[in-house]
Amino acid sequence: MGYAAVYDNLTSDDFAVEGAPMVGISFPLGNPNFSGKFLSNSSLSAGLLLQNVTLDGDRVQQGPLVNRPLYFAYGYKTAYFLRINAGATVMEEVGTGTVRLSPFIGLSVELNLWLGLNR
């Protein structure tokens, strides 16, 4: 869980950014026992923003599947529980149905969960 900033890449004259809380899941790219530090701190993440995004003051963006914007990102753990994410947000404009990708960056707090399914 964390906070994301979505960049509006459709307007070329303004630098429009909108933020929203996010929640998701991260899959590590490497095991610390078998790979180097870079891969063991890297992950691929997917999730959703917990509220719709309004760009340019009037264009409401929601997600195409669950009515919340979805994100896919590469993440890197910078501290014991902080992760920086950079990737893309999949959004659909309300009213027009136009689906598009927008870049985003996020900062999240990581909670490790072990499920022990093999016991």
PDB file of N, CA and C in Angstrom:
ATOM      1  N   MET A   1       0.833  -1.168   0.000  1.00  0.00           N
ATOM      2  CA  MET A   1       0.000   0.000   0.000  1.00  0.00           C
ATOM      3  C   MET A   1       0.884   1.239   0.000  1.00  0.00           C
ATOM      4  N   GLY A   2       0.396   2.263  -0.636  1.00  0.00           N
ATOM      5  CA  GLY A   2       1.202   3.465  -0.737  1.00  0.00           C
ATOM      6  C   GLY A   2       0.456   4.581  -1.430  1.00  0.00           C
ATOM      7  N   TYR A   3       1.233   5.468  -2.066  1.00  0.00           N
ATOM      8  CA  TYR A   3       0.665   6.625  -2.757  1.00  0.00           C
ATOM      9  C   TYR A   3       1.315   6.750  -4.127  1.00  0.00           C
ATOM     10  N   ALA A   4       0.497   7.037  -5.141  1.00  0.00           N
ATOM     11  CA  ALA A   4       0.982   7.122  -6.516  1.00  0.00           C
ATOM     12  C   ALA A   4       0.673   8.484  -7.110  1.00  0.00           C
ATOM     13  N   ALA A   5       1.520   8.920  -8.024  1.00  0.00           N
ATOM     14  CA  ALA A   5       1.302  10.143  -8.791  1.00  0.00           C
ATOM     15  C   ALA A   5       1.214   9.758 -10.258  1.00  0.00           C
ATOM     16  N   VAL A   6       0.101  10.098 -10.902  1.00  0.00           N
ATOM     17  CA  VAL A   6      -0.143   9.762 -12.303  1.00  0.00           C
ATOM     18  C   VAL A   6       0.090  11.008 -13.135  1.00  0.00           C
ATOM     19  N   TYR A   7       0.871  10.870 -14.190  1.00  0.00           N
ATOM     20  CA  TYR A   7       1.197  11.979 -15.087  1.00  0.00           C
ATOM     21  C   TYR A   7       0.223  11.976 -16.258  1.00  0.00           C
ATOM     22  N   ASP A   8      -0.329  13.131 -16.574  1.00  0.00           N
ATOM     23  CA  ASP A   8      -1.234  13.279 -17.707  1.00  0.00           C
ATOM     24  C   ASP A   8      -0.412  13.572 -18.952  1.00  0.00           C
ATOM     25  N   ASN A   9      -0.233  12.585 -19.800  1.00  0.00           N
ATOM     26  CA  ASN A   9       0.609  12.751 -20.982  1.00  0.00           C
ATOM     27  C   ASN A   9      -0.170  13.213 -22.210  1.00  0.00           C
ATOM     28  N   LEU A  10      -1.434  13.563 -22.061  1.00  0.00           N
ATOM     29  CA  LEU A  10      -2.200  14.024 -23.220  1.00  0.00           C
ATOM     30  C   LEU A  10      -2.086  15.521 -23.439  1.00  0.00           C
ATOM     31  N   THR A  11      -1.892  16.278 -22.371  1.00  0.00           N
ATOM     32  CA  THR A  11      -1.762  17.721 -22.532  1.00  0.00           C
ATOM     33  C   THR A  11      -0.294  18.071 -22.679  1.00  0.00           C
ATOM     34  N   SER A  12       0.061  18.684 -23.771  1.00  0.00           N
ATOM     35  CA  SER A  12       1.465  18.989 -24.031  1.00  0.00           C
ATOM     36  C   SER A  12       1.890  20.334 -23.462  1.00  0.00           C
ATOM     37  N   ASP A  13       0.946  21.218 -23.167  1.00  0.00           N
ATOM     38  CA  ASP A  13       1.324  22.539 -22.693  1.00  0.00           C
ATOM     39  C   ASP A  13       1.397  22.630 -21.169  1.00  0.00           C
ATOM     40  N   ASP A  14       0.774  21.720 -20.442  1.00  0.00           N
ATOM     41  CA  ASP A  14       0.799  21.731 -18.983  1.00  0.00           C
ATOM     42  C   ASP A  14       1.410  20.438 -18.460  1.00  0.00           C
ATOM     43  N   PHE A  15       2.008  20.528 -17.284  1.00  0.00           N
ATOM     44  CA  PHE A  15       2.521  19.359 -16.591  1.00  0.00           C
ATOM     45  C   PHE A  15       1.489  18.992 -15.536  1.00  0.00           C
ATOM     46  N   ALA A  16       0.556  18.109 -15.869  1.00  0.00           N
ATOM     47  CA  ALA A  16      -0.537  17.762 -14.973  1.00  0.00           C
ATOM     48  C   ALA A  16      -0.248  16.435 -14.279  1.00  0.00           C
ATOM     49  N   VAL A  17      -0.288  16.459 -12.953  1.00  0.00           N
ATOM     50  CA  VAL A  17      -0.076  15.261 -12.149  1.00  0.00           C
ATOM     51  C   VAL A  17      -1.202  15.170 -11.135  1.00  0.00           C
ATOM     52  N   GLU A  18      -1.732  13.977 -10.964  1.00  0.00           N
ATOM     53  CA  GLU A  18      -2.782  13.732  -9.981  1.00  0.00           C
ATOM     54  C   GLU A  18      -2.368  12.544  -9.125  1.00  0.00           C
ATOM     55  N   GLY A  19      -2.607  12.615  -7.840  1.00  0.00           N
ATOM     56  CA  GLY A  19      -2.211  11.556  -6.929  1.00  0.00           C
ATOM     57  C   GLY A  19      -3.390  10.794  -6.371  1.00  0.00           C
ATOM     58  N   ALA A  20      -3.107   9.550  -5.920  1.00  0.00           N
ATOM     59  CA  ALA A  20      -4.135   8.707  -5.326  1.00  0.00           C
ATOM     60  C   ALA A  20      -3.463   7.613  -4.502  1.00  0.00           C
ATOM     61  N   PRO A  21      -4.115   7.150  -3.444  1.00  0.00           N
ATOM     62  CA  PRO A  21      -3.584   6.009  -2.707  1.00  0.00           C
ATOM     63  C   PRO A  21      -3.683   4.750  -3.559  1.00  0.00           C
ATOM     64  N   MET A  22      -2.766   3.809  -3.313  1.00  0.00           N
ATOM     65  CA  MET A  22      -2.741   2.585  -4.117  1.00  0.00           C
ATOM     66  C   MET A  22      -2.544   1.380  -3.207  1.00  0.00           C
ATOM     67  N   VAL A  23      -2.964   0.234  -3.696  1.00  0.00           N
ATOM     68  CA  VAL A  23      -2.736  -1.037  -3.020  1.00  0.00           C
ATOM     69  C   VAL A  23      -2.449  -2.077  -4.107  1.00  0.00           C
ATOM     70  N   GLY A  24      -1.529  -2.980  -3.816  1.00  0.00           N
ATOM     71  CA  GLY A  24      -1.170  -3.971  -4.817  1.00  0.00           C
ATOM     72  C   GLY A  24      -0.333  -5.088  -4.237  1.00  0.00           C
ATOM     73  N   ILE A  25       0.201  -5.885  -5.136  1.00  0.00           N
ATOM     74  CA  ILE A  25       1.020  -7.028  -4.766  1.00  0.00           C
ATOM     75  C   ILE A  25       2.314  -6.984  -5.577  1.00  0.00           C
ATOM     76  N   SER A  26       3.413  -7.360  -4.938  1.00  0.00           N
ATOM     77  CA  SER A  26       4.724  -7.356  -5.602  1.00  0.00           C
ATOM     78  C   SER A  26       5.281  -8.774  -5.636  1.00  0.00           C
ATOM     79  N   PHE A  27       5.866  -9.119  -6.764  1.00  0.00           N
ATOM     80  CA  PHE A  27       6.501 -10.417  -6.935  1.00  0.00           C
ATOM     81  C   PHE A  27       8.001 -10.201  -7.085  1.00  0.00           C
ATOM     82  N   PRO A  28       8.817 -10.740  -6.159  1.00  0.00           N
ATOM     83  CA  PRO A  28      10.272 -10.514  -6.213  1.00  0.00           C
ATOM     84  C   PRO A  28      10.891 -11.160  -7.451  1.00  0.00           C
ATOM     85  N   LEU A  29      11.943 -10.519  -7.953  1.00  0.00           N
ATOM     86  CA  LEU A  29      12.651 -11.047  -9.121  1.00  0.00           C
ATOM     87  C   LEU A  29      13.804 -11.958  -8.746  1.00  0.00           C
ATOM     88  N   GLY A  30      14.190 -11.973  -7.484  1.00  0.00           N
ATOM     89  CA  GLY A  30      15.301 -12.822  -7.070  1.00  0.00           C
ATOM     90  C   GLY A  30      15.255 -13.153  -5.596  1.00  0.00           C
ATOM     91  N   ASN A  31      15.830 -14.281  -5.259  1.00  0.00           N
ATOM     92  CA  ASN A  31      15.952 -14.716  -3.876  1.00  0.00           C
ATOM     93  C   ASN A  31      17.276 -14.200  -3.327  1.00  0.00           C
ATOM     94  N   PRO A  32      17.307 -13.578  -2.148  1.00  0.00           N
ATOM     95  CA  PRO A  32      18.562 -13.027  -1.621  1.00  0.00           C
ATOM     96  C   PRO A  32      19.653 -14.080  -1.420  1.00  0.00           C
ATOM     97  N   ASN A  33      19.263 -15.340  -1.240  1.00  0.00           N
ATOM     98  CA  ASN A  33      20.255 -16.403  -1.046  1.00  0.00           C
ATOM     99  C   ASN A  33      20.925 -16.849  -2.332  1.00  0.00           C
ATOM    100  N   PHE A  34      20.289 -16.624  -3.479  1.00  0.00           N
ATOM    101  CA  PHE A  34      20.802 -17.141  -4.738  1.00  0.00           C
ATOM    102  C   PHE A  34      21.132 -16.076  -5.768  1.00  0.00           C
ATOM    103  N   SER A  35      20.678 -14.854  -5.584  1.00  0.00           N
ATOM    104  CA  SER A  35      20.945 -13.806  -6.566  1.00  0.00           C
ATOM    105  C   SER A  35      21.594 -12.617  -5.875  1.00  0.00           C
ATOM    106  N   GLY A  36      22.038 -11.673  -6.663  1.00  0.00           N
ATOM    107  CA  GLY A  36      22.690 -10.490  -6.129  1.00  0.00           C
ATOM    108  C   GLY A  36      21.714  -9.539  -5.456  1.00  0.00           C
ATOM    109  N   LYS A  37      22.274  -8.494  -4.880  1.00  0.00           N
ATOM    110  CA  LYS A  37      21.468  -7.524  -4.144  1.00  0.00           C
ATOM    111  C   LYS A  37      20.478  -6.801  -5.038  1.00  0.00           C
ATOM    112  N   PHE A  38      20.877  -6.468  -6.267  1.00  0.00           N
ATOM    113  CA  PHE A  38      19.993  -5.736  -7.173  1.00  0.00           C
ATOM    114  C   PHE A  38      18.729  -6.537  -7.470  1.00  0.00           C
ATOM    115  N   LEU A  39      18.877  -7.798  -7.878  1.00  0.00           N
ATOM    116  CA  LEU A  39      17.697  -8.607  -8.201  1.00  0.00           C
ATOM    117  C   LEU A  39      16.863  -8.929  -6.972  1.00  0.00           C
ATOM    118  N   SER A  40      17.487  -9.143  -5.835  1.00  0.00           N
ATOM    119  CA  SER A  40      16.711  -9.470  -4.643  1.00  0.00           C
ATOM    120  C   SER A  40      15.914  -8.270  -4.127  1.00  0.00           C
ATOM    121  N   ASN A  41      16.309  -7.057  -4.464  1.00  0.00           N
ATOM    122  CA  ASN A  41      15.551  -5.860  -4.081  1.00  0.00           C
ATOM    123  C   ASN A  41      14.561  -5.427  -5.156  1.00  0.00           C
ATOM    124  N   SER A  42      14.594  -6.050  -6.327  1.00  0.00           N
ATOM    125  CA  SER A  42      13.713  -5.694  -7.441  1.00  0.00           C
ATOM    126  C   SER A  42      12.449  -6.549  -7.430  1.00  0.00           C
ATOM    127  N   SER A  43      11.378  -5.976  -7.971  1.00  0.00           N
ATOM    128  CA  SER A  43      10.128  -6.734  -8.060  1.00  0.00           C
ATOM    129  C   SER A  43       9.256  -6.186  -9.189  1.00  0.00           C
ATOM    130  N   LEU A  44       8.292  -6.990  -9.582  1.00  0.00           N
ATOM    131  CA  LEU A  44       7.234  -6.559 -10.493  1.00  0.00           C
ATOM    132  C   LEU A  44       5.965  -6.431  -9.666  1.00  0.00           C
ATOM    133  N   SER A  45       5.251  -5.338  -9.837  1.00  0.00           N
ATOM    134  CA  SER A  45       4.078  -5.058  -9.019  1.00  0.00           C
ATOM    135  C   SER A  45       2.851  -4.831  -9.889  1.00  0.00           C
ATOM    136  N   ALA A  46       1.699  -5.138  -9.324  1.00  0.00           N
ATOM    137  CA  ALA A  46       0.419  -4.884  -9.978  1.00  0.00           C
ATOM    138  C   ALA A  46      -0.591  -4.558  -8.890  1.00  0.00           C
ATOM    139  N   GLY A  47      -1.527  -3.683  -9.216  1.00  0.00           N
ATOM    140  CA  GLY A  47      -2.544  -3.320  -8.236  1.00  0.00           C
ATOM    141  C   GLY A  47      -3.502  -2.296  -8.789  1.00  0.00           C
ATOM    142  N   LEU A  48      -4.158  -1.593  -7.887  1.00  0.00           N
ATOM    143  CA  LEU A  48      -5.108  -0.580  -8.319  1.00  0.00           C
ATOM    144  C   LEU A  48      -5.029   0.644  -7.423  1.00  0.00           C
ATOM    145  N   LEU A  49      -5.432   1.760  -8.008  1.00  0.00           N
ATOM    146  CA  LEU A  49      -5.542   2.996  -7.251  1.00  0.00           C
ATOM    147  C   LEU A  49      -6.894   2.969  -6.538  1.00  0.00           C
ATOM    148  N   LEU A  50      -6.933   3.425  -5.299  1.00  0.00           N
ATOM    149  CA  LEU A  50      -8.146   3.314  -4.491  1.00  0.00           C
ATOM    150  C   LEU A  50      -9.190   4.377  -4.781  1.00  0.00           C
ATOM    151  N   GLN A  51      -8.846   5.351  -5.607  1.00  0.00           N
ATOM    152  CA  GLN A  51      -9.833   6.347  -6.028  1.00  0.00           C
ATOM    153  C   GLN A  51      -9.580   6.717  -7.481  1.00  0.00           C
ATOM    154  N   ASN A  52     -10.629   7.178  -8.138  1.00  0.00           N
ATOM    155  CA  ASN A  52     -10.493   7.596  -9.533  1.00  0.00           C
ATOM    156  C   ASN A  52      -9.644   8.854  -9.616  1.00  0.00           C
ATOM    157  N   VAL A  53      -9.049   9.072 -10.773  1.00  0.00           N
ATOM    158  CA  VAL A  53      -8.153  10.199 -10.993  1.00  0.00           C
ATOM    159  C   VAL A  53      -8.870  11.229 -11.868  1.00  0.00           C
ATOM    160  N   THR A  54      -8.768  12.501 -11.493  1.00  0.00           N
ATOM    161  CA  THR A  54      -9.343  13.583 -12.284  1.00  0.00           C
ATOM    162  C   THR A  54      -8.198  14.378 -12.901  1.00  0.00           C
ATOM    163  N   LEU A  55      -8.140  14.404 -14.214  1.00  0.00           N
ATOM    164  CA  LEU A  55      -7.092  15.121 -14.929  1.00  0.00           C
ATOM    165  C   LEU A  55      -7.678  16.361 -15.580  1.00  0.00           C
ATOM    166  N   ASP A  56      -6.924  17.432 -15.600  1.00  0.00           N
ATOM    167  CA  ASP A  56      -7.341  18.719 -16.161  1.00  0.00           C
ATOM    168  C   ASP A  56      -8.600  19.265 -15.500  1.00  0.00           C
ATOM    169  N   GLY A  57      -8.877  18.861 -14.274  1.00  0.00           N
ATOM    170  CA  GLY A  57     -10.003  19.399 -13.536  1.00  0.00           C
ATOM    171  C   GLY A  57     -11.362  18.854 -13.897  1.00  0.00           C
ATOM    172  N   ASP A  58     -11.496  18.204 -15.075  1.00  0.00           N
ATOM    173  CA  ASP A  58     -12.832  17.750 -15.459  1.00  0.00           C
ATOM    174  C   ASP A  58     -12.865  16.364 -16.108  1.00  0.00           C
ATOM    175  N   ARG A  59     -11.728  15.795 -16.457  1.00  0.00           N
ATOM    176  CA  ARG A  59     -11.708  14.475 -17.097  1.00  0.00           C
ATOM    177  C   ARG A  59     -11.478  13.394 -16.047  1.00  0.00           C
ATOM    178  N   VAL A  60     -12.545  12.693 -15.628  1.00  0.00           N
ATOM    179  CA  VAL A  60     -12.448  11.644 -14.615  1.00  0.00           C
ATOM    180  C   VAL A  60     -11.990  10.359 -15.275  1.00  0.00           C
ATOM    181  N   GLN A  61     -10.959   9.749 -14.695  1.00  0.00           N
ATOM    182  CA  GLN A  61     -10.394   8.503 -15.212  1.00  0.00           C
ATOM    183  C   GLN A  61     -10.692   7.390 -14.215  1.00  0.00           C
ATOM    184  N   GLN A  62     -11.225   6.281 -14.703  1.00  0.00           N
ATOM    185  CA  GLN A  62     -11.456   5.107 -13.883  1.00  0.00           C
ATOM    186  C   GLN A  62     -10.794   3.915 -14.561  1.00  0.00           C
ATOM    187  N   GLY A  63     -10.867   2.764 -13.969  1.00  0.00           N
ATOM    188  CA  GLY A  63     -10.268   1.570 -14.553  1.00  0.00           C
ATOM    189  C   GLY A  63     -11.222   0.858 -15.479  1.00  0.00           C
ATOM    190  N   PRO A  64     -10.706   0.135 -16.466  1.00  0.00           N
ATOM    191  CA  PRO A  64     -11.570  -0.542 -17.426  1.00  0.00           C
ATOM    192  C   PRO A  64     -12.267  -1.786 -16.868  1.00  0.00           C
ATOM    193  N   LEU A  65     -11.724  -2.409 -15.823  1.00  0.00           N
ATOM    194  CA  LEU A  65     -12.302  -3.655 -15.319  1.00  0.00           C
ATOM    195  C   LEU A  65     -13.042  -3.499 -13.989  1.00  0.00           C
ATOM    196  N   VAL A  66     -12.458  -2.789 -13.040  1.00  0.00           N
ATOM    197  CA  VAL A  66     -13.021  -2.704 -11.692  1.00  0.00           C
ATOM    198  C   VAL A  66     -13.391  -1.271 -11.309  1.00  0.00           C
ATOM    199  N   ASN A  67     -13.523  -0.402 -12.273  1.00  0.00           N
ATOM    200  CA  ASN A  67     -13.871   1.014 -12.066  1.00  0.00           C
ATOM    201  C   ASN A  67     -12.874   1.758 -11.186  1.00  0.00           C
ATOM    202  N   ARG A  68     -11.662   1.288 -11.115  1.00  0.00           N
ATOM    203  CA  ARG A  68     -10.539   1.971 -10.481  1.00  0.00           C
ATOM    204  C   ARG A  68      -9.339   1.790 -11.402  1.00  0.00           C
ATOM    205  N   PRO A  69      -8.492   2.812 -11.551  1.00  0.00           N
ATOM    206  CA  PRO A  69      -7.310   2.674 -12.410  1.00  0.00           C
ATOM    207  C   PRO A  69      -6.390   1.551 -11.919  1.00  0.00           C
ATOM    208  N   LEU A  70      -5.882   0.778 -12.859  1.00  0.00           N
ATOM    209  CA  LEU A  70      -4.954  -0.321 -12.572  1.00  0.00           C
ATOM    210  C   LEU A  70      -3.535   0.129 -12.860  1.00  0.00           C
ATOM    211  N   TYR A  71      -2.557  -0.446 -12.156  1.00  0.00           N
ATOM    212  CA  TYR A  71      -1.163  -0.124 -12.441  1.00  0.00           C
ATOM    213  C   TYR A  71      -0.311  -1.380 -12.521  1.00  0.00           C
ATOM    214  N   PHE A  72       0.732  -1.283 -13.329  1.00  0.00           N
ATOM    215  CA  PHE A  72       1.754  -2.323 -13.464  1.00  0.00           C
ATOM    216  C   PHE A  72       3.089  -1.608 -13.383  1.00  0.00           C
ATOM    217  N   ALA A  73       4.012  -2.141 -12.560  1.00  0.00           N
ATOM    218  CA  ALA A  73       5.228  -1.376 -12.312  1.00  0.00           C
ATOM    219  C   ALA A  73       6.414  -2.270 -11.987  1.00  0.00           C
ATOM    220  N   TYR A  74       7.583  -1.675 -12.132  1.00  0.00           N
ATOM    221  CA  TYR A  74       8.825  -2.220 -11.612  1.00  0.00           C
ATOM    222  C   TYR A  74       9.077  -1.516 -10.287  1.00  0.00           C
ATOM    223  N   GLY A  75       9.445  -2.279  -9.270  1.00  0.00           N
ATOM    224  CA  GLY A  75       9.694  -1.685  -7.970  1.00  0.00           C
ATOM    225  C   GLY A  75      11.074  -2.033  -7.453  1.00  0.00           C
ATOM    226  N   TYR A  76      11.619  -1.150  -6.638  1.00  0.00           N
ATOM    227  CA  TYR A  76      12.928  -1.386  -6.021  1.00  0.00           C
ATOM    228  C   TYR A  76      12.855  -0.998  -4.550  1.00  0.00           C
ATOM    229  N   LYS A  77      13.245  -1.936  -3.692  1.00  0.00           N
ATOM    230  CA  LYS A  77      13.222  -1.694  -2.256  1.00  0.00           C
ATOM    231  C   LYS A  77      14.417  -0.828  -1.877  1.00  0.00           C
ATOM    232  N   THR A  78      14.138   0.353  -1.315  1.00  0.00           N
ATOM    233  CA  THR A  78      15.207   1.289  -0.966  1.00  0.00           C
ATOM    234  C   THR A  78      15.586   1.208   0.499  1.00  0.00           C
ATOM    235  N   ALA A  79      14.677   0.821   1.336  1.00  0.00           N
ATOM    236  CA  ALA A  79      14.936   0.644   2.757  1.00  0.00           C
ATOM    237  C   ALA A  79      14.282  -0.672   3.158  1.00  0.00           C
ATOM    238  N   TYR A  80      14.282  -0.968   4.426  1.00  0.00           N
ATOM    239  CA  TYR A  80      13.761  -2.259   4.884  1.00  0.00           C
ATOM    240  C   TYR A  80      12.306  -2.485   4.476  1.00  0.00           C
ATOM    241  N   PHE A  81      11.476  -1.441   4.475  1.00  0.00           N
ATOM    242  CA  PHE A  81      10.064  -1.618   4.144  1.00  0.00           C
ATOM    243  C   PHE A  81       9.533  -0.609   3.131  1.00  0.00           C
ATOM    244  N   LEU A  82      10.386   0.246   2.546  1.00  0.00           N
ATOM    245  CA  LEU A  82       9.950   1.215   1.536  1.00  0.00           C
ATOM    246  C   LEU A  82      10.313   0.742   0.139  1.00  0.00           C
ATOM    247  N   ARG A  83       9.388   0.932  -0.789  1.00  0.00           N
ATOM    248  CA  ARG A  83       9.602   0.527  -2.180  1.00  0.00           C
ATOM    249  C   ARG A  83       9.205   1.666  -3.102  1.00  0.00           C
ATOM    250  N   ILE A  84      10.054   1.976  -4.070  1.00  0.00           N
ATOM    251  CA  ILE A  84       9.754   2.959  -5.109  1.00  0.00           C
ATOM    252  C   ILE A  84       9.280   2.193  -6.340  1.00  0.00           C
ATOM    253  N   ASN A  85       8.146   2.604  -6.896  1.00  0.00           N
ATOM    254  CA  ASN A  85       7.560   1.955  -8.066  1.00  0.00           C
ATOM    255  C   ASN A  85       7.506   2.933  -9.229  1.00  0.00           C
ATOM    256  N   ALA A  86       7.773   2.438 -10.410  1.00  0.00           N
ATOM    257  CA  ALA A  86       7.632   3.226 -11.635  1.00  0.00           C
ATOM    258  C   ALA A  86       7.035   2.323 -12.700  1.00  0.00           C
ATOM    259  N   GLY A  87       5.995   2.829 -13.364  1.00  0.00           N
ATOM    260  CA  GLY A  87       5.349   2.003 -14.371  1.00  0.00           C
ATOM    261  C   GLY A  87       4.262   2.735 -15.107  1.00  0.00           C
ATOM    262  N   ALA A  88       3.194   1.996 -15.417  1.00  0.00           N
ATOM    263  CA  ALA A  88       2.095   2.539 -16.208  1.00  0.00           C
ATOM    264  C   ALA A  88       0.768   2.285 -15.513  1.00  0.00           C
ATOM    265  N   THR A  89      -0.147   3.224 -15.699  1.00  0.00           N
ATOM    266  CA  THR A  89      -1.499   3.113 -15.177  1.00  0.00           C
ATOM    267  C   THR A  89      -2.459   2.939 -16.350  1.00  0.00           C
ATOM    268  N   VAL A  90      -3.341   1.964 -16.252  1.00  0.00           N
ATOM    269  CA  VAL A  90      -4.362   1.732 -17.274  1.00  0.00           C
ATOM    270  C   VAL A  90      -5.631   2.425 -16.805  1.00  0.00           C
ATOM    271  N   MET A  91      -6.089   3.388 -17.612  1.00  0.00           N
ATOM    272  CA  MET A  91      -7.262   4.181 -17.231  1.00  0.00           C
ATOM    273  C   MET A  91      -8.246   4.274 -18.394  1.00  0.00           C
ATOM    274  N   GLU A  92      -9.513   4.460 -18.032  1.00  0.00           N
ATOM    275  CA  GLU A  92     -10.584   4.666 -19.012  1.00  0.00           C
ATOM    276  C   GLU A  92     -11.302   5.960 -18.655  1.00  0.00           C
ATOM    277  N   GLU A  93     -11.427   6.844 -19.623  1.00  0.00           N
ATOM    278  CA  GLU A  93     -12.099   8.120 -19.369  1.00  0.00           C
ATOM    279  C   GLU A  93     -13.612   7.912 -19.284  1.00  0.00           C
ATOM    280  N   VAL A  94     -14.200   8.423 -18.203  1.00  0.00           N
ATOM    281  CA  VAL A  94     -15.636   8.297 -17.993  1.00  0.00           C
ATOM    282  C   VAL A  94     -16.363   9.127 -19.051  1.00  0.00           C
ATOM    283  N   GLY A  95     -17.347   8.527 -19.672  1.00  0.00           N
ATOM    284  CA  GLY A  95     -18.132   9.230 -20.686  1.00  0.00           C
ATOM    285  C   GLY A  95     -17.715   8.876 -22.101  1.00  0.00           C
ATOM    286  N   THR A  96     -16.416   8.810 -22.358  1.00  0.00           N
ATOM    287  CA  THR A  96     -15.956   8.497 -23.711  1.00  0.00           C
ATOM    288  C   THR A  96     -15.545   7.035 -23.865  1.00  0.00           C
ATOM    289  N   GLY A  97     -15.146   6.393 -22.782  1.00  0.00           N
ATOM    290  CA  GLY A  97     -14.723   4.999 -22.853  1.00  0.00           C
ATOM    291  C   GLY A  97     -13.344   4.799 -23.449  1.00  0.00           C
ATOM    292  N   THR A  98     -12.580   5.873 -23.607  1.00  0.00           N
ATOM    293  CA  THR A  98     -11.235   5.786 -24.174  1.00  0.00           C
ATOM    294  C   THR A  98     -10.274   5.203 -23.144  1.00  0.00           C
ATOM    295  N   VAL A  99      -9.649   4.074 -23.483  1.00  0.00           N
ATOM    296  CA  VAL A  99      -8.680   3.424 -22.601  1.00  0.00           C
ATOM    297  C   VAL A  99      -7.279   3.858 -23.015  1.00  0.00           C
ATOM    298  N   ARG A 100      -6.457   4.217 -22.017  1.00  0.00           N
ATOM    299  CA  ARG A 100      -5.099   4.653 -22.330  1.00  0.00           C
ATOM    300  C   ARG A 100      -4.167   4.319 -21.188  1.00  0.00           C
ATOM    301  N   LEU A 101      -2.875   4.391 -21.488  1.00  0.00           N
ATOM    302  CA  LEU A 101      -1.812   4.187 -20.511  1.00  0.00           C
ATOM    303  C   LEU A 101      -1.191   5.523 -20.147  1.00  0.00           C
ATOM    304  N   SER A 102      -0.941   5.724 -18.875  1.00  0.00           N
ATOM    305  CA  SER A 102      -0.247   6.927 -18.406  1.00  0.00           C
ATOM    306  C   SER A 102       0.869   6.507 -17.469  1.00  0.00           C
ATOM    307  N   PRO A 103       2.019   7.172 -17.551  1.00  0.00           N
ATOM    308  CA  PRO A 103       3.108   6.834 -16.640  1.00  0.00           C
ATOM    309  C   PRO A 103       2.790   7.256 -15.210  1.00  0.00           C
ATOM    310  N   PHE A 104       3.347   6.516 -14.259  1.00  0.00           N
ATOM    311  CA  PHE A 104       3.147   6.864 -12.860  1.00  0.00           C
ATOM    312  C   PHE A 104       4.383   6.478 -12.055  1.00  0.00           C
ATOM    313  N   ILE A 105       4.496   7.086 -10.888  1.00  0.00           N
ATOM    314  CA  ILE A 105       5.540   6.753  -9.932  1.00  0.00           C
ATOM    315  C   ILE A 105       4.872   6.673  -8.573  1.00  0.00           C
ATOM    316  N   GLY A 106       5.341   5.759  -7.746  1.00  0.00           N
ATOM    317  CA  GLY A 106       4.718   5.585  -6.453  1.00  0.00           C
ATOM    318  C   GLY A 106       5.719   5.245  -5.367  1.00  0.00           C
ATOM    319  N   LEU A 107       5.315   5.465  -4.153  1.00  0.00           N
ATOM    320  CA  LEU A 107       6.095   5.110  -2.973  1.00  0.00           C
ATOM    321  C   LEU A 107       5.186   4.267  -2.104  1.00  0.00           C
ATOM    322  N   SER A 108       5.667   3.081  -1.722  1.00  0.00           N
ATOM    323  CA  SER A 108       4.800   2.184  -0.971  1.00  0.00           C
ATOM    324  C   SER A 108       5.519   1.597   0.235  1.00  0.00           C
ATOM    325  N   VAL A 109       4.718   1.198   1.201  1.00  0.00           N
ATOM    326  CA  VAL A 109       5.184   0.488   2.380  1.00  0.00           C
ATOM    327  C   VAL A 109       4.933  -0.982   2.114  1.00  0.00           C
ATOM    328  N   GLU A 110       5.937  -1.793   2.331  1.00  0.00           N
ATOM    329  CA  GLU A 110       5.860  -3.209   2.003  1.00  0.00           C
ATOM    330  C   GLU A 110       5.640  -4.038   3.255  1.00  0.00           C
ATOM    331  N   LEU A 111       4.653  -4.915   3.205  1.00  0.00           N
ATOM    332  CA  LEU A 111       4.389  -5.875   4.273  1.00  0.00           C
ATOM    333  C   LEU A 111       4.673  -7.261   3.721  1.00  0.00           C
ATOM    334  N   ASN A 112       5.624  -7.986   4.302  1.00  0.00           N
ATOM    335  CA  ASN A 112       5.955  -9.327   3.830  1.00  0.00           C
ATOM    336  C   ASN A 112       4.953 -10.325   4.375  1.00  0.00           C
ATOM    337  N   LEU A 113       4.441 -11.186   3.496  1.00  0.00           N
ATOM    338  CA  LEU A 113       3.459 -12.190   3.862  1.00  0.00           C
ATOM    339  C   LEU A 113       3.948 -13.532   3.360  1.00  0.00           C
ATOM    340  N   TRP A 114       4.050 -14.482   4.248  1.00  0.00           N
ATOM    341  CA  TRP A 114       4.465 -15.828   3.882  1.00  0.00           C
ATOM    342  C   TRP A 114       3.281 -16.740   4.091  1.00  0.00           C
ATOM    343  N   LEU A 115       2.938 -17.534   3.071  1.00  0.00           N
ATOM    344  CA  LEU A 115       1.734 -18.355   3.152  1.00  0.00           C
ATOM    345  C   LEU A 115       2.010 -19.814   3.500  1.00  0.00           C
ATOM    346  N   GLY A 116       3.171 -20.345   3.390  1.00  0.00           N
ATOM    347  CA  GLY A 116       3.478 -21.724   3.765  1.00  0.00           C
ATOM    348  C   GLY A 116       2.488 -22.739   3.223  1.00  0.00           C
ATOM    349  N   LEU A 117       2.203 -22.694   1.948  1.00  0.00           N
ATOM    350  CA  LEU A 117       1.202 -23.570   1.352  1.00  0.00           C
ATOM    351  C   LEU A 117       1.658 -25.024   1.198  1.00  0.00           C
ATOM    352  N   ASN A 118       2.933 -25.286   1.348  1.00  0.00           N
ATOM    353  CA  ASN A 118       3.421 -26.650   1.131  1.00  0.00           C
ATOM    354  C   ASN A 118       3.363 -27.497   2.405  1.00  0.00           C
ATOM    355  N   ARG A 119       2.812 -27.018   3.486  1.00  0.00           N
ATOM    356  CA  ARG A 119       2.737 -27.808   4.734  1.00  0.00           C
ATOM    357  C   ARG A 119       1.345 -28.296   4.975  1.00  0.00           C
TER     358      ARG A 119
END
